[in-house]
Each structure stands twice: as structure tokens, then as C-alpha cells.
Amino acid sequence: MSKIHLYDKIFSPIITEKSTALSEHNKIIFKVPNKANKKNLKKNIEKIFKVNVVKVNIVNKQSRKKIARGRKVKIQGYKKAIITLKKGQSIDLTAGI
């Protein structure tokens, strides 16, 4: 597998208050493609960041409708992966890949 295919499996890290609180428990959240699965994500994260992944949870965020400026707008759904790392390991998201 080339590096290009590895990076295609991860769109971006999700940095919110909740994800920052989870980082204290060795958990990191990434936005991933809709066709991503746990086995491939585990292998790719381990190869890219050189860490040991203990567990992968995937959450499907459904699309929803919102009213913005008096118009109905559809917010696109996405899939996110919660990656649990081995105790003592971490990924520095501020440094970039």
C-alpha cells in the first residue's frame, strides 16, 4: 500500500471541546469516508502515526435540516471514528502529517 492510499482513509481530525476532553483518555476523533471500516482504519492509523491502536469505534452522523437566514438548508452527514490508543501513546495533531 502506498502512502497516498493511507491518507485517503482519513479526512481530518475533529477538534471540539468533547474531543479534547477525550484526548485525556488516549482517544482521538477523525472524520473518515462513508465506506471506511474498523479493520482498515486500525491498520492505516498504525502505519501513518506509528502508534498502537487498541480499539476503533465508528459513529455515523446523519444528515439533518437546519434553517439558516430564513431558508431550509441540508447539513451533510458524515462518519467519524473514535480511535483509542495504547496507554502512554498519543498523536500530536498540531504538528501535521
N, C-alpha and C. Protein backbone atom coordinates (compact mmCIF):
# COMPACT_ATOMS: atom_id res chain seq x y z
N MET A 1 0.83 -1.18 0.00
CA MET A 1 0.00 0.00 0.00
C MET A 1 0.87 1.24 0.00
N SER A 2 0.58 2.18 -0.85
CA SER A 2 1.36 3.41 -0.87
C SER A 2 0.79 4.40 0.14
N LYS A 3 1.58 5.42 0.44
CA LYS A 3 1.16 6.41 1.42
C LYS A 3 -0.09 7.16 0.98
N ILE A 4 -0.27 7.35 -0.33
CA ILE A 4 -1.42 8.09 -0.83
C ILE A 4 -2.72 7.39 -0.43
N HIS A 5 -2.76 6.08 -0.54
CA HIS A 5 -3.96 5.35 -0.18
C HIS A 5 -4.19 5.39 1.33
N LEU A 6 -3.14 5.44 2.13
CA LEU A 6 -3.31 5.51 3.57
C LEU A 6 -3.96 6.83 3.98
N TYR A 7 -3.51 7.93 3.39
CA TYR A 7 -4.05 9.23 3.76
C TYR A 7 -5.45 9.47 3.22
N ASP A 8 -5.87 8.70 2.22
CA ASP A 8 -7.23 8.84 1.69
C ASP A 8 -8.27 8.34 2.68
N LYS A 9 -7.88 7.52 3.63
CA LYS A 9 -8.82 6.94 4.59
C LYS A 9 -9.14 7.86 5.76
N ILE A 10 -8.42 8.98 5.88
CA ILE A 10 -8.65 9.93 6.97
C ILE A 10 -8.81 11.31 6.36
N PHE A 11 -9.96 11.96 6.59
CA PHE A 11 -10.17 13.30 6.04
C PHE A 11 -9.53 14.36 6.92
N SER A 12 -9.91 14.38 8.20
CA SER A 12 -9.39 15.41 9.10
C SER A 12 -9.66 15.02 10.54
N PRO A 13 -8.88 15.57 11.47
CA PRO A 13 -9.21 15.36 12.88
C PRO A 13 -10.38 16.28 13.26
N ILE A 14 -11.19 15.83 14.19
CA ILE A 14 -12.29 16.64 14.69
C ILE A 14 -11.85 17.21 16.04
N ILE A 15 -11.71 18.54 16.09
CA ILE A 15 -11.22 19.18 17.32
C ILE A 15 -12.35 20.01 17.90
N THR A 16 -12.95 19.50 18.97
CA THR A 16 -14.00 20.18 19.70
C THR A 16 -13.69 20.06 21.19
N GLU A 17 -14.54 20.64 22.02
CA GLU A 17 -14.35 20.51 23.47
C GLU A 17 -14.44 19.05 23.90
N LYS A 18 -15.40 18.35 23.33
CA LYS A 18 -15.59 16.95 23.71
C LYS A 18 -14.40 16.10 23.28
N SER A 19 -13.88 16.32 22.07
CA SER A 19 -12.74 15.53 21.61
C SER A 19 -11.48 15.87 22.40
N THR A 20 -11.35 17.11 22.83
CA THR A 20 -10.21 17.50 23.66
C THR A 20 -10.28 16.82 25.02
N ALA A 21 -11.48 16.70 25.58
CA ALA A 21 -11.65 16.00 26.85
C ALA A 21 -11.36 14.51 26.69
N LEU A 22 -11.72 13.94 25.54
CA LEU A 22 -11.45 12.52 25.30
C LEU A 22 -9.96 12.24 25.10
N SER A 23 -9.20 13.25 24.68
CA SER A 23 -7.77 13.04 24.45
C SER A 23 -7.04 12.74 25.75
N GLU A 24 -7.61 13.11 26.88
CA GLU A 24 -7.03 12.75 28.18
C GLU A 24 -7.11 11.25 28.43
N HIS A 25 -8.04 10.58 27.76
CA HIS A 25 -8.23 9.13 27.90
C HIS A 25 -7.65 8.38 26.70
N ASN A 26 -6.67 8.98 26.02
CA ASN A 26 -5.99 8.38 24.86
C ASN A 26 -6.95 8.10 23.71
N LYS A 27 -7.92 8.98 23.48
CA LYS A 27 -8.86 8.83 22.38
C LYS A 27 -8.75 10.03 21.45
N ILE A 28 -8.76 9.74 20.14
CA ILE A 28 -8.68 10.79 19.14
C ILE A 28 -9.79 10.55 18.12
N ILE A 29 -10.39 11.64 17.63
CA ILE A 29 -11.53 11.54 16.73
C ILE A 29 -11.13 12.05 15.34
N PHE A 30 -11.44 11.26 14.30
CA PHE A 30 -11.15 11.63 12.92
C PHE A 30 -12.43 11.56 12.09
N LYS A 31 -12.53 12.44 11.10
CA LYS A 31 -13.59 12.35 10.10
C LYS A 31 -13.09 11.41 9.01
N VAL A 32 -13.89 10.41 8.67
CA VAL A 32 -13.46 9.37 7.73
C VAL A 32 -14.50 9.21 6.62
N PRO A 33 -14.14 8.54 5.51
CA PRO A 33 -15.10 8.31 4.42
C PRO A 33 -16.26 7.41 4.86
N ASN A 34 -17.36 7.51 4.14
CA ASN A 34 -18.54 6.72 4.49
C ASN A 34 -18.34 5.22 4.30
N LYS A 35 -17.37 4.82 3.48
CA LYS A 35 -17.12 3.40 3.24
C LYS A 35 -16.00 2.84 4.11
N ALA A 36 -15.51 3.62 5.06
CA ALA A 36 -14.42 3.16 5.92
C ALA A 36 -14.91 2.09 6.88
N ASN A 37 -14.02 1.14 7.22
CA ASN A 37 -14.37 0.13 8.22
C ASN A 37 -13.28 0.06 9.29
N LYS A 38 -13.56 -0.64 10.37
CA LYS A 38 -12.69 -0.64 11.54
C LYS A 38 -11.32 -1.26 11.27
N LYS A 39 -11.30 -2.38 10.56
CA LYS A 39 -10.02 -3.08 10.32
C LYS A 39 -9.07 -2.22 9.50
N ASN A 40 -9.56 -1.63 8.42
CA ASN A 40 -8.71 -0.80 7.58
C ASN A 40 -8.26 0.46 8.32
N LEU A 41 -9.15 1.07 9.08
CA LEU A 41 -8.78 2.26 9.84
C LEU A 41 -7.68 1.95 10.85
N LYS A 42 -7.80 0.83 11.53
CA LYS A 42 -6.79 0.45 12.52
C LYS A 42 -5.43 0.30 11.87
N LYS A 43 -5.37 -0.42 10.74
CA LYS A 43 -4.10 -0.62 10.04
C LYS A 43 -3.52 0.70 9.56
N ASN A 44 -4.36 1.55 8.98
CA ASN A 44 -3.87 2.81 8.43
C ASN A 44 -3.38 3.77 9.51
N ILE A 45 -4.10 3.87 10.61
CA ILE A 45 -3.67 4.75 11.71
C ILE A 45 -2.34 4.27 12.27
N GLU A 46 -2.19 2.96 12.44
CA GLU A 46 -0.95 2.42 12.98
C GLU A 46 0.22 2.69 12.03
N LYS A 47 0.01 2.59 10.71
CA LYS A 47 1.09 2.83 9.77
C LYS A 47 1.44 4.31 9.65
N ILE A 48 0.44 5.17 9.61
CA ILE A 48 0.69 6.60 9.42
C ILE A 48 1.35 7.22 10.64
N PHE A 49 0.77 7.01 11.82
CA PHE A 49 1.23 7.70 13.03
C PHE A 49 2.19 6.87 13.88
N LYS A 50 2.41 5.60 13.52
CA LYS A 50 3.31 4.70 14.24
C LYS A 50 2.95 4.61 15.73
N VAL A 51 1.67 4.28 15.99
CA VAL A 51 1.15 4.07 17.34
C VAL A 51 0.41 2.73 17.37
N ASN A 52 0.09 2.26 18.56
CA ASN A 52 -0.69 1.03 18.72
C ASN A 52 -2.13 1.39 19.00
N VAL A 53 -3.04 0.90 18.14
CA VAL A 53 -4.47 1.17 18.31
C VAL A 53 -5.09 0.01 19.07
N VAL A 54 -5.77 0.33 20.17
CA VAL A 54 -6.43 -0.69 20.97
C VAL A 54 -7.84 -0.95 20.46
N LYS A 55 -8.58 0.12 20.11
CA LYS A 55 -9.98 -0.02 19.76
C LYS A 55 -10.39 1.06 18.77
N VAL A 56 -11.33 0.73 17.89
CA VAL A 56 -11.88 1.70 16.94
C VAL A 56 -13.39 1.66 17.04
N ASN A 57 -13.99 2.81 17.30
CA ASN A 57 -15.45 2.95 17.30
C ASN A 57 -15.83 3.87 16.14
N ILE A 58 -16.87 3.51 15.41
CA ILE A 58 -17.32 4.33 14.29
C ILE A 58 -18.74 4.82 14.56
N VAL A 59 -18.94 6.13 14.36
CA VAL A 59 -20.24 6.76 14.58
C VAL A 59 -20.68 7.39 13.26
N ASN A 60 -21.91 7.10 12.86
CA ASN A 60 -22.48 7.64 11.63
C ASN A 60 -23.31 8.87 11.98
N LYS A 61 -22.89 10.06 11.59
CA LYS A 61 -23.66 11.28 11.83
C LYS A 61 -24.62 11.46 10.66
N GLN A 62 -25.91 11.43 10.93
CA GLN A 62 -26.92 11.54 9.89
C GLN A 62 -27.02 12.98 9.39
N SER A 63 -27.43 13.14 8.14
CA SER A 63 -27.66 14.48 7.62
C SER A 63 -28.93 15.03 8.27
N ARG A 64 -28.98 16.36 8.37
CA ARG A 64 -30.13 16.98 9.03
C ARG A 64 -30.47 18.29 8.34
N LYS A 65 -31.65 18.80 8.63
CA LYS A 65 -32.09 20.06 8.05
C LYS A 65 -32.02 21.16 9.09
N LYS A 66 -31.66 22.35 8.63
CA LYS A 66 -31.47 23.48 9.52
C LYS A 66 -32.02 24.72 8.82
N ILE A 67 -32.51 25.66 9.57
CA ILE A 67 -32.98 26.91 8.98
C ILE A 67 -31.88 27.95 9.17
N ALA A 68 -31.36 28.47 8.06
CA ALA A 68 -30.32 29.48 8.10
C ALA A 68 -30.74 30.65 7.22
N ARG A 69 -30.81 31.83 7.78
CA ARG A 69 -31.22 33.04 7.06
C ARG A 69 -32.59 32.89 6.40
N GLY A 70 -33.48 32.22 7.09
CA GLY A 70 -34.84 32.05 6.60
C GLY A 70 -35.03 30.97 5.55
N ARG A 71 -33.98 30.22 5.25
CA ARG A 71 -34.08 29.15 4.25
C ARG A 71 -33.75 27.81 4.89
N LYS A 72 -34.36 26.77 4.37
CA LYS A 72 -34.05 25.43 4.84
C LYS A 72 -32.77 24.95 4.16
N VAL A 73 -31.82 24.53 4.96
CA VAL A 73 -30.53 24.09 4.45
C VAL A 73 -30.30 22.67 4.93
N LYS A 74 -29.75 21.82 4.05
CA LYS A 74 -29.44 20.45 4.43
C LYS A 74 -27.98 20.38 4.86
N ILE A 75 -27.74 19.93 6.08
CA ILE A 75 -26.39 19.74 6.59
C ILE A 75 -25.97 18.31 6.24
N GLN A 76 -24.88 18.17 5.51
CA GLN A 76 -24.41 16.87 5.04
C GLN A 76 -23.97 15.99 6.21
N GLY A 77 -24.33 14.72 6.18
CA GLY A 77 -23.91 13.77 7.19
C GLY A 77 -22.50 13.28 6.91
N TYR A 78 -21.88 12.69 7.91
CA TYR A 78 -20.53 12.15 7.75
C TYR A 78 -20.31 11.02 8.75
N LYS A 79 -19.18 10.37 8.63
CA LYS A 79 -18.83 9.27 9.52
C LYS A 79 -17.59 9.69 10.30
N LYS A 80 -17.59 9.41 11.61
CA LYS A 80 -16.41 9.74 12.40
C LYS A 80 -15.94 8.50 13.14
N ALA A 81 -14.63 8.43 13.33
CA ALA A 81 -14.02 7.28 14.01
C ALA A 81 -13.37 7.76 15.30
N ILE A 82 -13.68 7.07 16.39
CA ILE A 82 -13.05 7.35 17.68
C ILE A 82 -11.99 6.28 17.89
N ILE A 83 -10.73 6.70 17.87
CA ILE A 83 -9.58 5.80 17.95
C ILE A 83 -9.05 5.81 19.38
N THR A 84 -8.98 4.64 20.00
CA THR A 84 -8.40 4.51 21.33
C THR A 84 -6.98 3.98 21.19
N LEU A 85 -6.03 4.74 21.73
CA LEU A 85 -4.62 4.36 21.63
C LEU A 85 -4.17 3.63 22.88
N LYS A 86 -3.04 2.92 22.76
CA LYS A 86 -2.46 2.23 23.89
C LYS A 86 -2.04 3.25 24.94
N LYS A 87 -2.13 2.88 26.21
CA LYS A 87 -1.83 3.79 27.31
C LYS A 87 -0.40 4.32 27.19
N GLY A 88 -0.26 5.62 27.32
CA GLY A 88 1.06 6.24 27.23
C GLY A 88 1.41 6.77 25.86
N GLN A 89 0.61 6.45 24.82
CA GLN A 89 0.89 6.92 23.47
C GLN A 89 -0.07 8.06 23.12
N SER A 90 0.35 8.91 22.20
CA SER A 90 -0.51 9.98 21.76
C SER A 90 -0.14 10.39 20.34
N ILE A 91 -1.04 11.14 19.71
CA ILE A 91 -0.81 11.69 18.37
C ILE A 91 -0.87 13.19 18.50
N ASP A 92 0.16 13.89 18.02
CA ASP A 92 0.20 15.33 18.06
C ASP A 92 -0.50 15.87 16.81
N LEU A 93 -1.73 16.37 16.96
CA LEU A 93 -2.50 16.82 15.81
C LEU A 93 -2.08 18.22 15.35
N THR A 94 -1.36 18.97 16.19
CA THR A 94 -0.96 20.32 15.82
C THR A 94 0.23 20.34 14.89
N ALA A 95 1.03 19.25 14.87
CA ALA A 95 2.26 19.23 14.05
C ALA A 95 1.96 18.98 12.58
N GLY A 96 0.85 18.34 12.25
CA GLY A 96 0.55 17.99 10.86
C GLY A 96 1.18 16.67 10.50
N ILE A 97 0.85 16.20 9.31
CA ILE A 97 1.35 14.88 8.88
C ILE A 97 2.55 15.03 8.00
